[in-house]
Amino acid sequence: MKVQMLTKDGCPKCTQLKMFLEMGLGDKYKEDIEVIHKAEKPEKYDELVALHSLQTAPVLICGDEVLMNTDPMKAEEFLRTRLGK
């Protein structure tokens, strides 16, 4: 199962999370994360926002589990425990 990551333009936390995943974790999870960018996939983005009652970005979603606090340590733990890497 892939983890979905919601992002949007002009979002400093989105940029921070992307940089952490790329540089801090060496893109370890790149193949396991589906990036859903608001401007690029607006229908899918809006569908997930409505489904999970989200009000912020970035967000990591795995099935019914949602991580809204995407600080580096929490994001890494979420990915490691859901993806088994």
PDB file of N, CA and C in Angstrom:
ATOM      1  N   MET A   1       0.841  -1.187   0.000  1.00  0.00           N
ATOM      2  CA  MET A   1       0.000   0.000   0.000  1.00  0.00           C
ATOM      3  C   MET A   1       0.884   1.248   0.000  1.00  0.00           C
ATOM      4  N   LYS A   2       0.542   2.193  -0.838  1.00  0.00           N
ATOM      5  CA  LYS A   2       1.295   3.454  -0.887  1.00  0.00           C
ATOM      6  C   LYS A   2       0.771   4.418   0.165  1.00  0.00           C
ATOM      7  N   VAL A   3       1.660   5.284   0.613  1.00  0.00           N
ATOM      8  CA  VAL A   3       1.283   6.389   1.494  1.00  0.00           C
ATOM      9  C   VAL A   3       1.039   7.591   0.594  1.00  0.00           C
ATOM     10  N   GLN A   4      -0.037   8.297   0.860  1.00  0.00           N
ATOM     11  CA  GLN A   4      -0.340   9.496   0.090  1.00  0.00           C
ATOM     12  C   GLN A   4       0.137  10.714   0.870  1.00  0.00           C
ATOM     13  N   MET A   5       0.760  11.649   0.155  1.00  0.00           N
ATOM     14  CA  MET A   5       1.220  12.880   0.772  1.00  0.00           C
ATOM     15  C   MET A   5       0.535  14.054   0.078  1.00  0.00           C
ATOM     16  N   LEU A   6      -0.245  14.803   0.843  1.00  0.00           N
ATOM     17  CA  LEU A   6      -0.911  15.979   0.300  1.00  0.00           C
ATOM     18  C   LEU A   6      -0.014  17.193   0.477  1.00  0.00           C
ATOM     19  N   THR A   7       0.185  17.933  -0.611  1.00  0.00           N
ATOM     20  CA  THR A   7       0.993  19.141  -0.564  1.00  0.00           C
ATOM     21  C   THR A   7       0.328  20.230  -1.397  1.00  0.00           C
ATOM     22  N   LYS A   8       0.794  21.464  -1.195  1.00  0.00           N
ATOM     23  CA  LYS A   8       0.286  22.580  -2.002  1.00  0.00           C
ATOM     24  C   LYS A   8       1.358  23.654  -2.116  1.00  0.00           C
ATOM     25  N   ASP A   9       1.157  24.567  -3.044  1.00  0.00           N
ATOM     26  CA  ASP A   9       2.095  25.665  -3.261  1.00  0.00           C
ATOM     27  C   ASP A   9       2.068  26.628  -2.086  1.00  0.00           C
ATOM     28  N   GLY A  10       3.188  27.302  -1.877  1.00  0.00           N
ATOM     29  CA  GLY A  10       3.259  28.320  -0.836  1.00  0.00           C
ATOM     30  C   GLY A  10       3.149  27.778   0.571  1.00  0.00           C
ATOM     31  N   CYS A  11       3.550  26.537   0.754  1.00  0.00           N
ATOM     32  CA  CYS A  11       3.416  25.867   2.044  1.00  0.00           C
ATOM     33  C   CYS A  11       4.810  25.527   2.580  1.00  0.00           C
ATOM     34  N   PRO A  12       5.313  26.315   3.536  1.00  0.00           N
ATOM     35  CA  PRO A  12       6.666  26.050   4.066  1.00  0.00           C
ATOM     36  C   PRO A  12       6.819  24.662   4.680  1.00  0.00           C
ATOM     37  N   LYS A  13       5.785  24.176   5.358  1.00  0.00           N
ATOM     38  CA  LYS A  13       5.877  22.842   5.969  1.00  0.00           C
ATOM     39  C   LYS A  13       5.915  21.747   4.904  1.00  0.00           C
ATOM     40  N   CYS A  14       5.237  21.984   3.776  1.00  0.00           N
ATOM     41  CA  CYS A  14       5.284  21.020   2.666  1.00  0.00           C
ATOM     42  C   CYS A  14       6.705  20.934   2.125  1.00  0.00           C
ATOM     43  N   THR A  15       7.327  22.079   1.924  1.00  0.00           N
ATOM     44  CA  THR A  15       8.701  22.131   1.436  1.00  0.00           C
ATOM     45  C   THR A  15       9.636  21.454   2.420  1.00  0.00           C
ATOM     46  N   GLN A  16       9.446  21.712   3.716  1.00  0.00           N
ATOM     47  CA  GLN A  16      10.278  21.106   4.751  1.00  0.00           C
ATOM     48  C   GLN A  16      10.157  19.583   4.727  1.00  0.00           C
ATOM     49  N   LEU A  17       8.931  19.072   4.619  1.00  0.00           N
ATOM     50  CA  LEU A  17       8.730  17.622   4.599  1.00  0.00           C
ATOM     51  C   LEU A  17       9.363  17.001   3.366  1.00  0.00           C
ATOM     52  N   LYS A  18       9.181  17.614   2.204  1.00  0.00           N
ATOM     53  CA  LYS A  18       9.776  17.082   0.979  1.00  0.00           C
ATOM     54  C   LYS A  18      11.302  17.047   1.085  1.00  0.00           C
ATOM     55  N   MET A  19      11.891  18.106   1.623  1.00  0.00           N
ATOM     56  CA  MET A  19      13.340  18.148   1.777  1.00  0.00           C
ATOM     57  C   MET A  19      13.823  17.077   2.757  1.00  0.00           C
ATOM     58  N   PHE A  20      13.083  16.870   3.847  1.00  0.00           N
ATOM     59  CA  PHE A  20      13.460  15.843   4.816  1.00  0.00           C
ATOM     60  C   PHE A  20      13.399  14.453   4.181  1.00  0.00           C
ATOM     61  N   LEU A  21      12.332  14.185   3.426  1.00  0.00           N
ATOM     62  CA  LEU A  21      12.199  12.875   2.785  1.00  0.00           C
ATOM     63  C   LEU A  21      13.319  12.638   1.772  1.00  0.00           C
ATOM     64  N   GLU A  22      13.665  13.702   1.028  1.00  0.00           N
ATOM     65  CA  GLU A  22      14.697  13.576   0.003  1.00  0.00           C
ATOM     66  C   GLU A  22      16.102  13.537   0.597  1.00  0.00           C
ATOM     67  N   MET A  23      16.425  14.515   1.419  1.00  0.00           N
ATOM     68  CA  MET A  23      17.799  14.631   1.919  1.00  0.00           C
ATOM     69  C   MET A  23      18.011  13.899   3.242  1.00  0.00           C
ATOM     70  N   GLY A  24      17.103  14.074   4.177  1.00  0.00           N
ATOM     71  CA  GLY A  24      17.255  13.464   5.491  1.00  0.00           C
ATOM     72  C   GLY A  24      17.136  11.949   5.460  1.00  0.00           C
ATOM     73  N   LEU A  25      16.227  11.457   4.604  1.00  0.00           N
ATOM     74  CA  LEU A  25      16.024  10.006   4.511  1.00  0.00           C
ATOM     75  C   LEU A  25      16.561   9.431   3.204  1.00  0.00           C
ATOM     76  N   GLY A  26      17.217  10.264   2.406  1.00  0.00           N
ATOM     77  CA  GLY A  26      17.826   9.782   1.165  1.00  0.00           C
ATOM     78  C   GLY A  26      16.836   9.196   0.174  1.00  0.00           C
ATOM     79  N   ASP A  27      15.635   9.744   0.121  1.00  0.00           N
ATOM     80  CA  ASP A  27      14.581   9.268  -0.791  1.00  0.00           C
ATOM     81  C   ASP A  27      14.241   7.787  -0.584  1.00  0.00           C
ATOM     82  N   LYS A  28      14.476   7.297   0.616  1.00  0.00           N
ATOM     83  CA  LYS A  28      14.231   5.890   0.957  1.00  0.00           C
ATOM     84  C   LYS A  28      12.789   5.454   0.629  1.00  0.00           C
ATOM     85  N   TYR A  29      11.847   6.359   0.787  1.00  0.00           N
ATOM     86  CA  TYR A  29      10.434   6.016   0.603  1.00  0.00           C
ATOM     87  C   TYR A  29       9.851   6.558  -0.697  1.00  0.00           C
ATOM     88  N   LYS A  30      10.689   7.059  -1.601  1.00  0.00           N
ATOM     89  CA  LYS A  30      10.206   7.714  -2.820  1.00  0.00           C
ATOM     90  C   LYS A  30       9.206   6.860  -3.600  1.00  0.00           C
ATOM     91  N   GLU A  31       9.505   5.581  -3.749  1.00  0.00           N
ATOM     92  CA  GLU A  31       8.632   4.688  -4.526  1.00  0.00           C
ATOM     93  C   GLU A  31       7.352   4.324  -3.766  1.00  0.00           C
ATOM     94  N   ASP A  32       7.321   4.593  -2.478  1.00  0.00           N
ATOM     95  CA  ASP A  32       6.183   4.204  -1.644  1.00  0.00           C
ATOM     96  C   ASP A  32       5.226   5.357  -1.361  1.00  0.00           C
ATOM     97  N   ILE A  33       5.564   6.555  -1.838  1.00  0.00           N
ATOM     98  CA  ILE A  33       4.741   7.731  -1.553  1.00  0.00           C
ATOM     99  C   ILE A  33       4.141   8.277  -2.837  1.00  0.00           C
ATOM    100  N   GLU A  34       2.829   8.421  -2.829  1.00  0.00           N
ATOM    101  CA  GLU A  34       2.121   9.073  -3.932  1.00  0.00           C
ATOM    102  C   GLU A  34       1.904  10.525  -3.526  1.00  0.00           C
ATOM    103  N   VAL A  35       2.558  11.432  -4.238  1.00  0.00           N
ATOM    104  CA  VAL A  35       2.423  12.860  -3.940  1.00  0.00           C
ATOM    105  C   VAL A  35       1.167  13.380  -4.632  1.00  0.00           C
ATOM    106  N   ILE A  36       0.296  13.983  -3.837  1.00  0.00           N
ATOM    107  CA  ILE A  36      -0.935  14.573  -4.374  1.00  0.00           C
ATOM    108  C   ILE A  36      -0.848  16.067  -4.138  1.00  0.00           C
ATOM    109  N   HIS A  37      -0.460  16.763  -5.197  1.00  0.00           N
ATOM    110  CA  HIS A  37      -0.264  18.209  -5.136  1.00  0.00           C
ATOM    111  C   HIS A  37      -1.578  18.892  -5.522  1.00  0.00           C
ATOM    112  N   LYS A  38      -1.995  19.852  -4.728  1.00  0.00           N
ATOM    113  CA  LYS A  38      -3.289  20.512  -4.925  1.00  0.00           C
ATOM    114  C   LYS A  38      -3.448  21.075  -6.335  1.00  0.00           C
ATOM    115  N   ALA A  39      -2.413  21.713  -6.870  1.00  0.00           N
ATOM    116  CA  ALA A  39      -2.511  22.321  -8.199  1.00  0.00           C
ATOM    117  C   ALA A  39      -2.469  21.287  -9.325  1.00  0.00           C
ATOM    118  N   GLU A  40      -1.815  20.149  -9.080  1.00  0.00           N
ATOM    119  CA  GLU A  40      -1.653  19.139 -10.120  1.00  0.00           C
ATOM    120  C   GLU A  40      -2.777  18.102 -10.137  1.00  0.00           C
ATOM    121  N   LYS A  41      -3.321  17.794  -8.971  1.00  0.00           N
ATOM    122  CA  LYS A  41      -4.406  16.793  -8.869  1.00  0.00           C
ATOM    123  C   LYS A  41      -5.511  17.345  -7.963  1.00  0.00           C
ATOM    124  N   PRO A  42      -6.161  18.448  -8.382  1.00  0.00           N
ATOM    125  CA  PRO A  42      -7.119  19.113  -7.486  1.00  0.00           C
ATOM    126  C   PRO A  42      -8.303  18.242  -7.061  1.00  0.00           C
ATOM    127  N   GLU A  43      -8.808  17.394  -7.973  1.00  0.00           N
ATOM    128  CA  GLU A  43      -9.964  16.559  -7.616  1.00  0.00           C
ATOM    129  C   GLU A  43      -9.591  15.547  -6.532  1.00  0.00           C
ATOM    130  N   LYS A  44      -8.461  14.868  -6.730  1.00  0.00           N
ATOM    131  CA  LYS A  44      -8.003  13.872  -5.751  1.00  0.00           C
ATOM    132  C   LYS A  44      -7.673  14.536  -4.414  1.00  0.00           C
ATOM    133  N   TYR A  45      -7.010  15.701  -4.477  1.00  0.00           N
ATOM    134  CA  TYR A  45      -6.660  16.451  -3.269  1.00  0.00           C
ATOM    135  C   TYR A  45      -7.927  16.810  -2.496  1.00  0.00           C
ATOM    136  N   ASP A  46      -8.892  17.404  -3.187  1.00  0.00           N
ATOM    137  CA  ASP A  46     -10.139  17.823  -2.532  1.00  0.00           C
ATOM    138  C   ASP A  46     -10.926  16.634  -1.986  1.00  0.00           C
ATOM    139  N   GLU A  47     -10.886  15.514  -2.696  1.00  0.00           N
ATOM    140  CA  GLU A  47     -11.579  14.294  -2.248  1.00  0.00           C
ATOM    141  C   GLU A  47     -11.007  13.808  -0.916  1.00  0.00           C
ATOM    142  N   LEU A  48      -9.675  13.777  -0.809  1.00  0.00           N
ATOM    143  CA  LEU A  48      -9.038  13.320   0.427  1.00  0.00           C
ATOM    144  C   LEU A  48      -9.221  14.317   1.567  1.00  0.00           C
ATOM    145  N   VAL A  49      -9.197  15.607   1.260  1.00  0.00           N
ATOM    146  CA  VAL A  49      -9.438  16.638   2.271  1.00  0.00           C
ATOM    147  C   VAL A  49     -10.835  16.458   2.865  1.00  0.00           C
ATOM    148  N   ALA A  50     -11.820  16.254   1.996  1.00  0.00           N
ATOM    149  CA  ALA A  50     -13.196  16.066   2.464  1.00  0.00           C
ATOM    150  C   ALA A  50     -13.351  14.759   3.236  1.00  0.00           C
ATOM    151  N   LEU A  51     -12.779  13.682   2.721  1.00  0.00           N
ATOM    152  CA  LEU A  51     -12.899  12.358   3.347  1.00  0.00           C
ATOM    153  C   LEU A  51     -12.343  12.339   4.765  1.00  0.00           C
ATOM    154  N   HIS A  52     -11.218  13.006   4.971  1.00  0.00           N
ATOM    155  CA  HIS A  52     -10.547  12.980   6.266  1.00  0.00           C
ATOM    156  C   HIS A  52     -10.720  14.263   7.081  1.00  0.00           C
ATOM    157  N   SER A  53     -11.579  15.172   6.613  1.00  0.00           N
ATOM    158  CA  SER A  53     -11.839  16.447   7.303  1.00  0.00           C
ATOM    159  C   SER A  53     -10.536  17.201   7.606  1.00  0.00           C
ATOM    160  N   LEU A  54      -9.718  17.360   6.598  1.00  0.00           N
ATOM    161  CA  LEU A  54      -8.412  17.997   6.763  1.00  0.00           C
ATOM    162  C   LEU A  54      -8.504  19.508   6.596  1.00  0.00           C
ATOM    163  N   GLN A  55      -7.647  20.218   7.314  1.00  0.00           N
ATOM    164  CA  GLN A  55      -7.617  21.671   7.218  1.00  0.00           C
ATOM    165  C   GLN A  55      -6.213  22.202   7.027  1.00  0.00           C
ATOM    166  N   THR A  56      -5.259  21.319   6.840  1.00  0.00           N
ATOM    167  CA  THR A  56      -3.871  21.748   6.747  1.00  0.00           C
ATOM    168  C   THR A  56      -3.093  20.847   5.793  1.00  0.00           C
ATOM    169  N   ALA A  57      -1.941  21.301   5.406  1.00  0.00           N
ATOM    170  CA  ALA A  57      -1.009  20.499   4.608  1.00  0.00           C
ATOM    171  C   ALA A  57       0.380  20.805   5.155  1.00  0.00           C
ATOM    172  N   PRO A  58       1.305  19.896   5.025  1.00  0.00           N
ATOM    173  CA  PRO A  58       1.205  18.586   4.402  1.00  0.00           C
ATOM    174  C   PRO A  58       0.559  17.572   5.340  1.00  0.00           C
ATOM    175  N   VAL A  59       0.098  16.502   4.723  1.00  0.00           N
ATOM    176  CA  VAL A  59      -0.522  15.413   5.467  1.00  0.00           C
ATOM    177  C   VAL A  59      -0.046  14.106   4.842  1.00  0.00           C
ATOM    178  N   LEU A  60       0.204  13.108   5.663  1.00  0.00           N
ATOM    179  CA  LEU A  60       0.504  11.762   5.185  1.00  0.00           C
ATOM    180  C   LEU A  60      -0.693  10.876   5.496  1.00  0.00           C
ATOM    181  N   ILE A  61      -1.112  10.084   4.519  1.00  0.00           N
ATOM    182  CA  ILE A  61      -2.281   9.217   4.675  1.00  0.00           C
ATOM    183  C   ILE A  61      -1.897   7.801   4.261  1.00  0.00           C
ATOM    184  N   CYS A  62      -2.246   6.848   5.125  1.00  0.00           N
ATOM    185  CA  CYS A  62      -2.044   5.433   4.807  1.00  0.00           C
ATOM    186  C   CYS A  62      -3.332   4.715   5.182  1.00  0.00           C
ATOM    187  N   GLY A  63      -4.126   4.354   4.190  1.00  0.00           N
ATOM    188  CA  GLY A  63      -5.434   3.757   4.466  1.00  0.00           C
ATOM    189  C   GLY A  63      -6.310   4.744   5.198  1.00  0.00           C
ATOM    190  N   ASP A  64      -6.748   4.366   6.401  1.00  0.00           N
ATOM    191  CA  ASP A  64      -7.588   5.250   7.218  1.00  0.00           C
ATOM    192  C   ASP A  64      -6.770   6.058   8.222  1.00  0.00           C
ATOM    193  N   GLU A  65      -5.466   5.853   8.241  1.00  0.00           N
ATOM    194  CA  GLU A  65      -4.608   6.556   9.195  1.00  0.00           C
ATOM    195  C   GLU A  65      -4.076   7.844   8.584  1.00  0.00           C
ATOM    196  N   VAL A  66      -4.161   8.923   9.347  1.00  0.00           N
ATOM    197  CA  VAL A  66      -3.747  10.241   8.869  1.00  0.00           C
ATOM    198  C   VAL A  66      -2.754  10.842   9.850  1.00  0.00           C
ATOM    199  N   LEU A  67      -1.627  11.322   9.321  1.00  0.00           N
ATOM    200  CA  LEU A  67      -0.637  12.019  10.143  1.00  0.00           C
ATOM    201  C   LEU A  67      -0.644  13.488   9.737  1.00  0.00           C
ATOM    202  N   MET A  68      -1.125  14.341  10.648  1.00  0.00           N
ATOM    203  CA  MET A  68      -1.179  15.772  10.368  1.00  0.00           C
ATOM    204  C   MET A  68       0.054  16.494  10.897  1.00  0.00           C
ATOM    205  N   ASN A  69       0.670  15.957  11.954  1.00  0.00           N
ATOM    206  CA  ASN A  69       1.892  16.551  12.488  1.00  0.00           C
ATOM    207  C   ASN A  69       3.062  15.880  11.795  1.00  0.00           C
ATOM    208  N   THR A  70       3.545  16.503  10.725  1.00  0.00           N
ATOM    209  CA  THR A  70       4.579  15.879   9.898  1.00  0.00           C
ATOM    210  C   THR A  70       5.987  16.356  10.255  1.00  0.00           C
ATOM    211  N   ASP A  71       6.216  16.620  11.543  1.00  0.00           N
ATOM    212  CA  ASP A  71       7.578  16.900  11.983  1.00  0.00           C
ATOM    213  C   ASP A  71       8.450  15.707  11.583  1.00  0.00           C
ATOM    214  N   PRO A  72       9.728  15.932  11.292  1.00  0.00           N
ATOM    215  CA  PRO A  72      10.578  14.855  10.768  1.00  0.00           C
ATOM    216  C   PRO A  72      10.514  13.538  11.535  1.00  0.00           C
ATOM    217  N   MET A  73      10.615  13.559  12.839  1.00  0.00           N
ATOM    218  CA  MET A  73      10.616  12.299  13.601  1.00  0.00           C
ATOM    219  C   MET A  73       9.268  11.584  13.501  1.00  0.00           C
ATOM    220  N   LYS A  74       8.191  12.326  13.562  1.00  0.00           N
ATOM    221  CA  LYS A  74       6.860  11.715  13.466  1.00  0.00           C
ATOM    222  C   LYS A  74       6.612  11.165  12.061  1.00  0.00           C
ATOM    223  N   ALA A  75       7.046  11.906  11.047  1.00  0.00           N
ATOM    224  CA  ALA A  75       6.878  11.448   9.665  1.00  0.00           C
ATOM    225  C   ALA A  75       7.676  10.170   9.421  1.00  0.00           C
ATOM    226  N   GLU A  76       8.919  10.143   9.902  1.00  0.00           N
ATOM    227  CA  GLU A  76       9.749   8.956   9.714  1.00  0.00           C
ATOM    228  C   GLU A  76       9.136   7.738  10.414  1.00  0.00           C
ATOM    229  N   GLU A  77       8.656   7.921  11.628  1.00  0.00           N
ATOM    230  CA  GLU A  77       8.034   6.811  12.354  1.00  0.00           C
ATOM    231  C   GLU A  77       6.780   6.319  11.638  1.00  0.00           C
ATOM    232  N   PHE A  78       5.955   7.235  11.161  1.00  0.00           N
ATOM    233  CA  PHE A  78       4.734   6.890  10.433  1.00  0.00           C
ATOM    234  C   PHE A  78       5.077   6.048   9.204  1.00  0.00           C
ATOM    235  N   LEU A  79       6.044   6.491   8.419  1.00  0.00           N
ATOM    236  CA  LEU A  79       6.429   5.766   7.217  1.00  0.00           C
ATOM    237  C   LEU A  79       7.054   4.413   7.545  1.00  0.00           C
ATOM    238  N   ARG A  80       7.943   4.400   8.515  1.00  0.00           N
ATOM    239  CA  ARG A  80       8.637   3.149   8.884  1.00  0.00           C
ATOM    240  C   ARG A  80       7.645   2.103   9.370  1.00  0.00           C
ATOM    241  N   THR A  81       6.712   2.490  10.220  1.00  0.00           N
ATOM    242  CA  THR A  81       5.788   1.508  10.789  1.00  0.00           C
ATOM    243  C   THR A  81       4.728   1.063   9.775  1.00  0.00           C
ATOM    244  N   ARG A  82       4.367   1.916   8.834  1.00  0.00           N
ATOM    245  CA  ARG A  82       3.350   1.533   7.833  1.00  0.00           C
ATOM    246  C   ARG A  82       3.958   0.796   6.649  1.00  0.00           C
ATOM    247  N   LEU A  83       5.201   1.131   6.314  1.00  0.00           N
ATOM    248  CA  LEU A  83       5.816   0.559   5.122  1.00  0.00           C
ATOM    249  C   LEU A  83       6.829  -0.538   5.436  1.00  0.00           C
ATOM    250  N   GLY A  84       7.158  -0.693   6.702  1.00  0.00           N
ATOM    251  CA  GLY A  84       8.059  -1.759   7.102  1.00  0.00           C
ATOM    252  C   GLY A  84       9.485  -1.615   6.606  1.00  0.00           C
ATOM    253  N   LYS A  85       9.947  -0.379   6.508  1.00  0.00           N
ATOM    254  CA  LYS A  85      11.332  -0.145   6.045  1.00  0.00           C
ATOM    255  C   LYS A  85      12.109   0.593   7.090  1.00  0.00           C
TER     256      LYS A  85
END
